[in-house]
Amino acid sequence: MQKDLTKDPVAALTAVTEVLTAVHPRDVFTVIHSSFRFLKPANQRQLGMIFMQDYLQPLQHFFELGVVTLQPGLAAKDAASFYLTSLSPLFNTFHHVGPADATQHDQTIALIKLILFGVATKK
């Protein structure tokens, strides 16, 4: 029986994140944006369009599904962008998320929870 990931945003984003970390050797957001300085303006636009189409828009759609309640005034596009920019600790060994003996999967879950729910609770 397959789990309905639309009912569990942590599991859904963990699955997406594990695909990204398996397919990309480095943080895709950083790679794409650091490549801009080496490209002509027309190629920058083209790379930006690919980034939007292949990464930001699918993630934006996830945040538009209503699986999570975004902060008031936060656009789904901004949530998607924040998610992508927050993944860098998973692409290196310098930054570690979670306990020292955490598996890659456990680190991914810990980071997704930080992205979705922040570091503090309301009082």
C-alpha atoms as a PDB file:
ATOM      1  CA  MET A   1       0.000   0.000   0.000  1.00  0.00           C
ATOM      2  CA  GLN A   2       1.463   3.355  -1.072  1.00  0.00           C
ATOM      3  CA  LYS A   3       1.394   6.249   1.374  1.00  0.00           C
ATOM      4  CA  ASP A   4      -0.513   9.378   0.298  1.00  0.00           C
ATOM      5  CA  LEU A   5       2.251  11.979   0.494  1.00  0.00           C
ATOM      6  CA  THR A   6      -0.192  14.857   0.078  1.00  0.00           C
ATOM      7  CA  LYS A   7      -1.352  14.188   3.642  1.00  0.00           C
ATOM      8  CA  ASP A   8       2.171  14.260   5.088  1.00  0.00           C
ATOM      9  CA  PRO A   9       4.182  17.302   3.965  1.00  0.00           C
ATOM     10  CA  VAL A  10       7.348  16.167   5.768  1.00  0.00           C
ATOM     11  CA  ALA A  11       7.299  12.800   3.984  1.00  0.00           C
ATOM     12  CA  ALA A  12       6.480  14.453   0.655  1.00  0.00           C
ATOM     13  CA  LEU A  13       9.310  16.996   0.827  1.00  0.00           C
ATOM     14  CA  THR A  14      11.683  14.366   2.204  1.00  0.00           C
ATOM     15  CA  ALA A  15      10.985  12.223  -0.879  1.00  0.00           C
ATOM     16  CA  VAL A  16      11.557  15.203  -3.202  1.00  0.00           C
ATOM     17  CA  THR A  17      14.723  16.169  -1.347  1.00  0.00           C
ATOM     18  CA  GLU A  18      16.143  12.661  -1.500  1.00  0.00           C
ATOM     19  CA  VAL A  19      15.633  12.656  -5.274  1.00  0.00           C
ATOM     20  CA  LEU A  20      17.432  16.000  -5.549  1.00  0.00           C
ATOM     21  CA  THR A  21      20.362  14.876  -3.392  1.00  0.00           C
ATOM     22  CA  ALA A  22      20.645  11.581  -5.287  1.00  0.00           C
ATOM     23  CA  VAL A  23      20.554  13.213  -8.740  1.00  0.00           C
ATOM     24  CA  HIS A  24      22.604  16.331  -8.054  1.00  0.00           C
ATOM     25  CA  PRO A  25      26.131  16.196  -6.661  1.00  0.00           C
ATOM     26  CA  ARG A  26      25.796  19.811  -5.471  1.00  0.00           C
ATOM     27  CA  ASP A  27      23.075  22.171  -4.353  1.00  0.00           C
ATOM     28  CA  VAL A  28      21.163  22.945  -7.557  1.00  0.00           C
ATOM     29  CA  PHE A  29      20.177  26.467  -6.458  1.00  0.00           C
ATOM     30  CA  THR A  30      23.799  27.449  -5.816  1.00  0.00           C
ATOM     31  CA  VAL A  31      25.107  25.788  -8.980  1.00  0.00           C
ATOM     32  CA  ILE A  32      22.584  27.491 -11.239  1.00  0.00           C
ATOM     33  CA  HIS A  33      22.891  30.924  -9.677  1.00  0.00           C
ATOM     34  CA  SER A  34      26.682  30.821  -9.488  1.00  0.00           C
ATOM     35  CA  SER A  35      26.735  29.890 -13.199  1.00  0.00           C
ATOM     36  CA  PHE A  36      25.038  33.148 -14.192  1.00  0.00           C
ATOM     37  CA  ARG A  37      28.222  35.193 -14.036  1.00  0.00           C
ATOM     38  CA  PHE A  38      29.772  33.024 -16.750  1.00  0.00           C
ATOM     39  CA  LEU A  39      26.841  33.291 -19.148  1.00  0.00           C
ATOM     40  CA  LYS A  40      25.677  35.866 -21.642  1.00  0.00           C
ATOM     41  CA  PRO A  41      22.398  37.593 -20.701  1.00  0.00           C
ATOM     42  CA  ALA A  42      20.401  35.517 -23.206  1.00  0.00           C
ATOM     43  CA  ASN A  43      21.808  32.318 -21.727  1.00  0.00           C
ATOM     44  CA  GLN A  44      21.146  33.581 -18.195  1.00  0.00           C
ATOM     45  CA  ARG A  45      17.492  34.037 -19.127  1.00  0.00           C
ATOM     46  CA  GLN A  46      17.357  30.570 -20.647  1.00  0.00           C
ATOM     47  CA  LEU A  47      18.937  28.949 -17.590  1.00  0.00           C
ATOM     48  CA  GLY A  48      16.591  30.949 -15.358  1.00  0.00           C
ATOM     49  CA  MET A  49      13.605  29.671 -17.337  1.00  0.00           C
ATOM     50  CA  ILE A  50      14.807  26.075 -17.007  1.00  0.00           C
ATOM     51  CA  PHE A  51      15.284  26.572 -13.266  1.00  0.00           C
ATOM     52  CA  MET A  52      11.770  27.979 -12.963  1.00  0.00           C
ATOM     53  CA  GLN A  53      10.196  25.232 -15.090  1.00  0.00           C
ATOM     54  CA  ASP A  54      12.047  22.241 -13.660  1.00  0.00           C
ATOM     55  CA  TYR A  55      12.511  23.230 -10.016  1.00  0.00           C
ATOM     56  CA  LEU A  56      10.608  26.255  -8.735  1.00  0.00           C
ATOM     57  CA  GLN A  57       7.232  25.735 -10.430  1.00  0.00           C
ATOM     58  CA  PRO A  58       6.781  22.091  -9.335  1.00  0.00           C
ATOM     59  CA  LEU A  59       7.709  23.060  -5.773  1.00  0.00           C
ATOM     60  CA  GLN A  60       5.476  26.113  -5.949  1.00  0.00           C
ATOM     61  CA  HIS A  61       2.636  23.805  -6.982  1.00  0.00           C
ATOM     62  CA  PHE A  62       3.293  21.645  -3.906  1.00  0.00           C
ATOM     63  CA  PHE A  63       2.993  24.698  -1.658  1.00  0.00           C
ATOM     64  CA  GLU A  64      -0.221  25.707  -3.446  1.00  0.00           C
ATOM     65  CA  LEU A  65      -1.887  22.343  -2.716  1.00  0.00           C
ATOM     66  CA  GLY A  66      -2.795  23.382   0.810  1.00  0.00           C
ATOM     67  CA  VAL A  67      -0.903  20.471   2.373  1.00  0.00           C
ATOM     68  CA  VAL A  68       0.813  23.038   4.572  1.00  0.00           C
ATOM     69  CA  THR A  69      -0.547  26.375   5.726  1.00  0.00           C
ATOM     70  CA  LEU A  70       1.891  29.084   4.713  1.00  0.00           C
ATOM     71  CA  GLN A  71       2.549  32.111   6.860  1.00  0.00           C
ATOM     72  CA  PRO A  72       0.190  35.002   6.089  1.00  0.00           C
ATOM     73  CA  GLY A  73       1.492  36.974   3.127  1.00  0.00           C
ATOM     74  CA  LEU A  74       3.990  34.281   2.081  1.00  0.00           C
ATOM     75  CA  ALA A  75       3.602  33.294  -1.560  1.00  0.00           C
ATOM     76  CA  ALA A  76       3.984  29.668  -2.628  1.00  0.00           C
ATOM     77  CA  LYS A  77       6.769  30.754  -4.994  1.00  0.00           C
ATOM     78  CA  ASP A  78       8.695  32.261  -2.079  1.00  0.00           C
ATOM     79  CA  ALA A  79       8.182  29.092  -0.020  1.00  0.00           C
ATOM     80  CA  ALA A  80       9.553  27.022  -2.920  1.00  0.00           C
ATOM     81  CA  SER A  81      12.550  29.297  -3.279  1.00  0.00           C
ATOM     82  CA  PHE A  82      13.242  29.195   0.462  1.00  0.00           C
ATOM     83  CA  TYR A  83      13.036  25.397   0.425  1.00  0.00           C
ATOM     84  CA  LEU A  84      15.598  25.150  -2.392  1.00  0.00           C
ATOM     85  CA  THR A  85      18.005  27.625  -0.812  1.00  0.00           C
ATOM     86  CA  SER A  86      17.797  25.783   2.507  1.00  0.00           C
ATOM     87  CA  LEU A  87      19.008  22.421   1.204  1.00  0.00           C
ATOM     88  CA  SER A  88      22.738  23.237   1.092  1.00  0.00           C
ATOM     89  CA  PRO A  89      23.615  21.413   4.359  1.00  0.00           C
ATOM     90  CA  LEU A  90      22.659  18.134   2.684  1.00  0.00           C
ATOM     91  CA  PHE A  91      25.234  18.613  -0.080  1.00  0.00           C
ATOM     92  CA  ASN A  92      28.326  18.827   2.105  1.00  0.00           C
ATOM     93  CA  THR A  93      29.812  17.369   5.251  1.00  0.00           C
ATOM     94  CA  PHE A  94      30.694  20.686   6.888  1.00  0.00           C
ATOM     95  CA  HIS A  95      27.133  21.453   8.000  1.00  0.00           C
ATOM     96  CA  HIS A  96      25.378  18.629   9.791  1.00  0.00           C
ATOM     97  CA  VAL A  97      21.710  18.624  10.749  1.00  0.00           C
ATOM     98  CA  GLY A  98      20.553  16.477  13.636  1.00  0.00           C
ATOM     99  CA  PRO A  99      22.479  14.124  15.930  1.00  0.00           C
ATOM    100  CA  ALA A 100      26.090  13.268  15.030  1.00  0.00           C
ATOM    101  CA  ASP A 101      25.125   9.687  14.186  1.00  0.00           C
ATOM    102  CA  ALA A 102      22.077  10.653  12.087  1.00  0.00           C
ATOM    103  CA  THR A 103      21.714   8.918   8.747  1.00  0.00           C
ATOM    104  CA  GLN A 104      21.354  10.976   5.573  1.00  0.00           C
ATOM    105  CA  HIS A 105      17.628  10.204   5.661  1.00  0.00           C
ATOM    106  CA  ASP A 106      17.329  11.377   9.286  1.00  0.00           C
ATOM    107  CA  GLN A 107      19.257  14.554   8.454  1.00  0.00           C
ATOM    108  CA  THR A 108      16.918  15.198   5.547  1.00  0.00           C
ATOM    109  CA  ILE A 109      13.847  14.795   7.761  1.00  0.00           C
ATOM    110  CA  ALA A 110      15.346  17.111  10.398  1.00  0.00           C
ATOM    111  CA  LEU A 111      16.102  19.775   7.778  1.00  0.00           C
ATOM    112  CA  ILE A 112      12.634  19.513   6.200  1.00  0.00           C
ATOM    113  CA  LYS A 113      11.058  19.986   9.633  1.00  0.00           C
ATOM    114  CA  LEU A 114      13.210  23.081  10.181  1.00  0.00           C
ATOM    115  CA  ILE A 115      12.205  24.440   6.765  1.00  0.00           C
ATOM    116  CA  LEU A 116       8.504  23.813   7.308  1.00  0.00           C
ATOM    117  CA  PHE A 117       8.145  24.598  11.012  1.00  0.00           C
ATOM    118  CA  GLY A 118      11.117  26.796  11.914  1.00  0.00           C
ATOM    119  CA  VAL A 119      13.317  26.644  14.962  1.00  0.00           C
ATOM    120  CA  ALA A 120      11.006  28.098  17.590  1.00  0.00           C
ATOM    121  CA  THR A 121       7.569  27.405  18.973  1.00  0.00           C
ATOM    122  CA  LYS A 122       4.999  30.039  19.732  1.00  0.00           C
ATOM    123  CA  LYS A 123       4.354  30.875  23.369  1.00  0.00           C
END
